[in-house]
């Protein structure tokens, strides 16, 4: 019995120590950035009070006095991205301003609950819309597509008096629609879609096409290069999208590094066997640890009654 009690006590002591270490590492904070301003948090209006508090915790909002908070509703999604004004809005977002030249970073805090939009898709759309130098965190307490978070980003900039180009926002929203449609209906994975869109943007930056025909050629060349077969309708969809992007005269040369990062991230998930091996090894270690713990407990109980 003494052995068993000692073992349980040791486990409890280890648990308390780990909890204290985590608490120490996450407490505090750097305070308000007086140069860049406070983060902006936009909540989906459909959230209940309990869900909003859950999202607040997910987005690491410890003190509401250190952020600016807004909500986004169905009318906002209609105004900003042409959505249904009766939509239910759950996905929420925190935008933290960063130093000039930092670029855009997107984190899906609840990836299992953002079912259609990947962080690479968000980043691609935000670059098209003209968002720069910000860390964007997205969260939802329930499973949703993730479109209200994009609306929340647009509204956040609007509320702070930063006017994004309306044409660029419209095309960025269409880009997100095309990306999610291809991922759901064409047989492509979300990572393949993100890689394809980023590659086409990079080629547009390098070739500076002057006509729709040249855009169509770039789209087809990238499909061939990535060994992707799409229906004529989907090729037309992509061509129409990138012909609009071409007409926006976006300086993608300035965004080249971020486009390369998106492509690299998608490639890593698609091709890095080491990633999947590490996931498998991680779970194998957990199962082995559980097995060893159970064996230890069983042996301890046997020794007690031996």
Protein backbone atom coordinates (compact mmCIF):
# COMPACT_ATOMS: atom_id res chain seq x y z
CA UNK A 1 0.00 0.00 0.00
CA UNK A 2 2.86 2.38 0.84
CA UNK A 3 4.32 1.87 -2.64
CA UNK A 4 0.99 2.69 -4.30
CA UNK A 5 0.46 5.79 -2.17
CA UNK A 6 3.99 6.97 -2.95
CA UNK A 7 3.41 6.48 -6.66
CA UNK A 8 0.10 8.41 -6.62
CA UNK A 9 1.68 11.21 -4.58
CA UNK A 10 4.52 11.48 -7.08
CA UNK A 11 2.05 11.76 -9.97
CA UNK A 12 0.09 14.48 -8.18
CA UNK A 13 3.27 16.41 -7.43
CA UNK A 14 4.33 16.21 -11.08
CA UNK A 15 0.89 17.46 -12.20
CA UNK A 16 1.02 20.44 -9.84
CA UNK A 17 4.54 21.32 -10.98
CA UNK A 18 3.55 21.25 -14.65
CA UNK A 19 0.48 23.39 -13.98
CA UNK A 20 2.56 25.98 -12.16
CA UNK A 21 5.11 26.05 -14.96
CA UNK A 22 2.44 26.62 -17.61
CA UNK A 23 0.81 29.31 -15.48
CA UNK A 24 4.11 31.10 -15.02
CA UNK A 25 4.86 31.04 -18.75
CA UNK A 26 1.45 32.42 -19.80
CA UNK A 27 0.77 34.97 -17.09
CA UNK A 28 1.64 38.62 -17.30
CA UNK A 29 2.05 40.01 -20.80
CA UNK A 30 3.84 42.86 -22.48
CA UNK A 31 1.15 45.48 -21.86
CA UNK A 32 -0.30 47.93 -24.37
CA UNK A 33 1.80 48.74 -27.43
CA UNK A 34 1.55 52.53 -27.55
CA UNK A 35 3.17 52.73 -30.99
CA UNK A 36 1.06 50.22 -32.92
CA UNK A 37 -2.15 50.29 -30.90
CA UNK A 38 -4.12 47.59 -29.14
CA UNK A 39 -5.36 44.36 -30.79
CA UNK A 40 -8.83 44.42 -32.30
CA UNK A 41 -11.22 41.55 -31.52
CA UNK A 42 -14.38 40.99 -33.56
CA UNK A 43 -16.93 38.42 -32.35
CA UNK A 44 -19.62 36.69 -34.40
CA UNK A 45 -22.93 38.17 -33.27
CA UNK A 46 -24.66 34.78 -33.00
CA UNK A 47 -22.42 33.73 -30.11
CA UNK A 48 -24.13 33.27 -26.77
CA UNK A 49 -22.60 35.01 -23.77
CA UNK A 50 -20.98 31.73 -22.71
CA UNK A 51 -19.62 31.08 -26.22
CA UNK A 52 -18.27 34.62 -26.45
CA UNK A 53 -16.41 34.12 -23.19
CA UNK A 54 -15.07 30.82 -24.54
CA UNK A 55 -13.82 32.56 -27.68
CA UNK A 56 -12.34 35.35 -25.58
CA UNK A 57 -10.26 32.71 -23.77
CA UNK A 58 -9.33 31.00 -27.03
CA UNK A 59 -8.06 34.30 -28.43
CA UNK A 60 -6.08 34.93 -25.24
CA UNK A 61 -7.95 38.08 -24.27
CA UNK A 62 -7.06 38.26 -20.58
CA UNK A 63 -8.10 41.88 -20.05
CA UNK A 64 -10.84 43.51 -22.13
CA UNK A 65 -9.36 46.93 -21.33
CA UNK A 66 -6.30 46.07 -23.46
CA UNK A 67 -8.23 45.33 -26.69
CA UNK A 68 -10.88 47.01 -28.82
CA UNK A 69 -13.93 44.75 -29.18
CA UNK A 70 -16.62 44.74 -31.88
CA UNK A 71 -19.18 42.29 -33.25
CA UNK A 72 -20.03 41.28 -36.81
CA UNK A 73 -23.56 40.44 -37.98
CA UNK A 74 -25.42 39.20 -41.05
CA UNK A 75 -25.76 42.67 -42.50
CA UNK A 76 -21.99 43.09 -42.25
CA UNK A 77 -21.38 39.89 -44.21
CA UNK A 78 -23.80 41.19 -46.86
CA UNK A 79 -22.07 44.57 -47.00
CA UNK A 80 -18.46 43.38 -46.99
CA UNK A 81 -18.46 40.11 -48.95
CA UNK A 82 -21.94 39.88 -50.47
CA UNK A 83 -23.14 37.14 -48.13
CA UNK A 84 -26.58 36.28 -46.82
CA UNK A 85 -27.75 38.96 -44.32
CA UNK A 86 -29.55 36.21 -42.38
CA UNK A 87 -26.33 34.26 -41.84
CA UNK A 88 -25.44 33.04 -38.37
CA UNK A 89 -22.06 34.42 -37.34
CA UNK A 90 -19.81 32.37 -35.05
CA UNK A 91 -16.19 32.57 -36.23
CA UNK A 92 -14.34 35.40 -34.54
CA UNK A 93 -10.98 37.05 -35.03
CA UNK A 94 -8.26 38.99 -33.25
CA UNK A 95 -6.03 41.32 -35.29
CA UNK A 96 -2.78 42.41 -33.68
CA UNK A 97 -0.90 45.22 -35.51
CA UNK A 98 2.76 44.46 -36.25
CA UNK A 99 5.79 46.51 -37.24
CA UNK A 100 6.02 47.61 -40.88
CA UNK A 101 7.55 44.91 -43.04
CA UNK A 102 6.50 42.08 -40.72
CA UNK A 103 3.84 40.80 -43.12
CA UNK A 104 0.67 38.86 -42.41
CA UNK A 105 0.57 35.83 -40.10
CA UNK A 106 -2.62 33.78 -39.72
CA UNK A 107 -3.25 31.33 -36.87
CA UNK A 108 -6.27 29.03 -36.71
CA UNK A 109 -6.73 28.72 -32.95
CA UNK A 110 -9.54 26.16 -33.37
CA UNK A 111 -8.63 24.43 -36.66
CA UNK A 112 -11.12 21.60 -36.16
CA UNK A 113 -13.97 24.13 -36.04
CA UNK A 114 -12.95 26.09 -39.17
CA UNK A 115 -14.04 23.54 -41.72
CA UNK A 116 -13.57 25.23 -45.11
CA UNK A 117 -10.91 27.93 -44.87
CA UNK A 118 -7.26 27.13 -44.14
CA UNK A 119 -4.80 29.65 -42.77
CA UNK A 120 -3.11 29.71 -46.20
CA UNK A 121 -6.46 30.58 -47.84
CA UNK A 122 -7.01 33.38 -45.32
CA UNK A 123 -3.53 34.74 -45.91
CA UNK A 124 -3.88 34.65 -49.68
CA UNK A 125 -7.21 36.49 -49.50
CA UNK A 126 -5.89 39.07 -47.03
CA UNK A 127 -2.90 39.84 -49.25
CA UNK A 128 -5.28 40.34 -52.16
CA UNK A 129 -7.46 42.63 -50.03
CA UNK A 130 -4.47 44.76 -49.05
CA UNK A 131 -4.07 43.76 -45.40
CA UNK A 132 -0.45 44.04 -44.26
CA UNK A 133 1.69 43.75 -41.14
CA UNK A 134 -0.70 41.99 -38.76
CA UNK A 135 -1.11 38.77 -36.83
CA UNK A 136 -4.60 37.35 -37.35
CA UNK A 137 -6.00 34.74 -34.96
CA UNK A 138 -9.26 32.95 -35.87
CA UNK A 139 -11.45 30.94 -33.50
CA UNK A 140 -14.94 29.48 -33.24
CA UNK A 141 -16.66 27.43 -30.50
CA UNK A 142 -18.65 25.44 -33.10
CA UNK A 143 -17.94 24.05 -36.56
CA UNK A 144 -18.33 26.77 -39.21
CA UNK A 145 -16.99 27.57 -42.67
CA UNK A 146 -14.96 30.53 -41.40
CA UNK A 147 -16.34 33.26 -43.66
CA UNK A 148 -17.55 35.53 -40.87
CA UNK A 149 -13.95 35.84 -39.65
CA UNK A 150 -12.97 37.44 -42.99
CA UNK A 151 -15.91 39.82 -42.61
CA UNK A 152 -14.72 40.57 -39.09
CA UNK A 153 -11.25 41.47 -40.38
CA UNK A 154 -12.71 43.90 -42.91
CA UNK A 155 -14.98 45.44 -40.26
CA UNK A 156 -12.10 45.80 -37.82
CA UNK A 157 -10.10 47.87 -40.28
CA UNK A 158 -13.18 49.89 -41.15
CA UNK A 159 -13.95 50.66 -37.50
CA UNK A 160 -10.37 51.84 -36.95
CA UNK A 161 -10.56 54.20 -39.93
CA UNK A 162 -8.25 52.16 -42.18
CA UNK A 163 -10.02 52.00 -45.52
CA UNK A 164 -9.21 48.91 -47.54
CA UNK A 165 -9.83 49.19 -51.27
CA UNK A 166 -13.41 48.00 -51.89
CA UNK A 167 -12.54 46.39 -55.24
CA UNK A 168 -9.68 44.45 -53.67
CA UNK A 169 -11.93 43.32 -50.79
CA UNK A 170 -14.56 42.13 -53.26
CA UNK A 171 -12.04 40.13 -55.30
CA UNK A 172 -10.44 38.74 -52.13
CA UNK A 173 -13.85 37.49 -50.99
CA UNK A 174 -14.40 35.91 -54.40
CA UNK A 175 -10.95 34.33 -54.15
CA UNK A 176 -11.92 32.72 -50.84
CA UNK A 177 -15.17 31.44 -52.40
CA UNK A 178 -13.29 29.94 -55.35
CA UNK A 179 -10.71 28.35 -53.06
CA UNK A 180 -13.30 26.72 -50.82
CA UNK A 181 -15.36 25.58 -53.82
CA UNK A 182 -12.37 23.92 -55.46
CA UNK A 183 -11.38 22.23 -52.21
CA UNK A 184 -14.89 20.83 -51.76
CA UNK A 185 -15.89 19.92 -55.31
CA UNK A 186 -12.86 19.45 -57.56
CA UNK A 187 -11.09 16.63 -55.75
CA UNK A 188 -8.20 18.90 -54.76
CA UNK A 189 -7.10 19.13 -51.15
CA UNK A 190 -7.11 22.47 -49.36
CA UNK A 191 -3.31 22.46 -49.42
CA UNK A 192 -3.26 21.87 -53.19
CA UNK A 193 -5.68 24.76 -53.69
CA UNK A 194 -3.52 27.10 -51.59
CA UNK A 195 -0.39 26.03 -53.43
CA UNK A 196 -2.04 26.52 -56.83
CA UNK A 197 -3.38 30.00 -56.02
CA UNK A 198 -0.04 31.14 -54.62
CA UNK A 199 1.86 29.81 -57.63
CA UNK A 200 -0.47 31.56 -60.08
CA UNK A 201 -0.05 34.83 -58.18
CA UNK A 202 3.73 34.47 -58.32
CA UNK A 203 3.59 33.88 -62.07
CA UNK A 204 1.34 36.91 -62.56
CA UNK A 205 3.88 38.97 -60.61
CA UNK A 206 6.72 37.72 -62.83
CA UNK A 207 4.97 37.84 -66.20
CA UNK A 208 2.65 40.85 -65.71
CA UNK A 209 0.00 39.57 -68.17
CA UNK A 210 -1.80 42.23 -70.20
CA UNK A 211 -4.76 40.18 -71.46
CA UNK A 212 -7.20 37.56 -70.26
CA UNK A 213 -5.70 35.08 -72.71
CA UNK A 214 -2.29 35.46 -71.06
CA UNK A 215 -3.88 34.89 -67.65
CA UNK A 216 -5.57 31.73 -68.96
CA UNK A 217 -2.22 30.49 -70.24
CA UNK A 218 -0.59 31.08 -66.84
CA UNK A 219 -3.42 29.23 -65.09
CA UNK A 220 -3.14 26.25 -67.44
CA UNK A 221 0.65 26.14 -67.19
CA UNK A 222 0.47 26.02 -63.41
CA UNK A 223 -2.17 23.29 -63.50
CA UNK A 224 0.11 21.27 -65.78
CA UNK A 225 3.16 21.98 -63.63
CA UNK A 226 1.41 20.77 -60.48
CA UNK A 227 -0.19 17.83 -62.33
CA UNK A 228 -3.72 19.00 -61.50
CA UNK A 229 -6.65 18.16 -63.76
CA UNK A 230 -9.71 20.41 -63.50
CA UNK A 231 -12.93 20.60 -65.45
CA UNK A 232 -13.22 23.35 -68.09
CA UNK A 233 -15.71 25.06 -65.79
CA UNK A 234 -13.21 25.18 -62.91
CA UNK A 235 -10.44 26.40 -65.21
CA UNK A 236 -12.80 29.16 -66.32
CA UNK A 237 -13.52 29.97 -62.69
CA UNK A 238 -9.81 30.38 -61.94
CA UNK A 239 -9.19 32.38 -65.09
CA UNK A 240 -12.01 34.79 -64.30
CA UNK A 241 -10.69 35.24 -60.76
CA UNK A 242 -7.11 35.94 -61.77
CA UNK A 243 -8.14 38.18 -64.62
CA UNK A 244 -9.84 40.33 -61.97
CA UNK A 245 -6.76 40.17 -59.78
CA UNK A 246 -4.61 41.22 -62.76
CA UNK A 247 -6.82 44.27 -63.31
CA UNK A 248 -6.32 45.40 -59.70
CA UNK A 249 -2.67 46.21 -60.41
CA UNK A 250 -1.54 44.68 -57.11
CA UNK A 251 2.21 44.90 -56.64
CA UNK A 252 2.80 41.22 -55.97
CA UNK A 253 6.55 41.78 -56.16
CA UNK A 254 6.28 43.29 -52.67
CA UNK A 255 4.38 40.19 -51.50
CA UNK A 256 6.72 37.65 -53.13
CA UNK A 257 8.23 36.39 -49.86
CA UNK A 258 4.82 35.87 -48.28
CA UNK A 259 3.53 34.04 -51.36
CA UNK A 260 6.57 31.79 -51.19
CA UNK A 261 5.84 31.13 -47.51
CA UNK A 262 2.27 30.10 -48.36
CA UNK A 263 3.51 27.78 -51.10
CA UNK A 264 6.14 26.27 -48.83
CA UNK A 265 3.61 25.71 -46.04
CA UNK A 266 1.21 23.94 -48.41
CA UNK A 267 4.03 21.82 -49.88
CA UNK A 268 5.18 20.82 -46.42
CA UNK A 269 1.76 19.48 -45.52
CA UNK A 270 1.42 17.74 -48.87
CA UNK A 271 4.85 16.18 -49.21
CA UNK A 272 6.72 16.08 -45.91
CA UNK A 273 6.63 12.45 -44.85
CA UNK A 274 8.60 13.43 -41.80
CA UNK A 275 5.64 15.50 -40.62
CA UNK A 276 3.27 12.55 -40.74
CA UNK A 277 5.89 10.25 -39.25
CA UNK A 278 6.36 12.66 -36.36
CA UNK A 279 2.60 12.69 -35.79
CA UNK A 280 2.54 8.91 -35.79
CA UNK A 281 5.54 8.74 -33.44
CA UNK A 282 3.91 11.24 -31.12
CA UNK A 283 0.79 9.12 -30.70
CA UNK A 284 2.83 5.94 -30.42
CA UNK A 285 4.78 7.49 -27.55
CA UNK A 286 1.52 8.49 -25.84
CA UNK A 287 0.11 4.97 -26.21
CA UNK A 288 3.35 3.44 -24.93
CA UNK A 289 3.37 5.78 -21.94
CA UNK A 290 -0.24 4.89 -21.12
CA UNK A 291 0.58 1.19 -21.47
CA UNK A 292 3.59 1.54 -19.16
CA UNK A 293 1.52 3.45 -16.61
CA UNK A 294 -1.22 0.81 -16.58
CA UNK A 295 1.37 -1.97 -16.27
CA UNK A 296 3.01 -0.12 -13.39
CA UNK A 297 -0.30 0.31 -11.59
CA UNK A 298 -1.25 -3.34 -12.10
CA UNK A 299 2.14 -4.52 -10.82
CA UNK A 300 1.84 -2.20 -7.82
CA UNK A 301 -1.58 -3.59 -6.95
CA UNK A 302 -0.30 -7.16 -7.37
CA UNK A 303 2.60 -6.47 -5.02
CA UNK A 304 0.21 -5.06 -2.42
CA UNK A 305 -1.92 -8.19 -2.36
CA UNK A 306 0.93 -10.66 -2.93
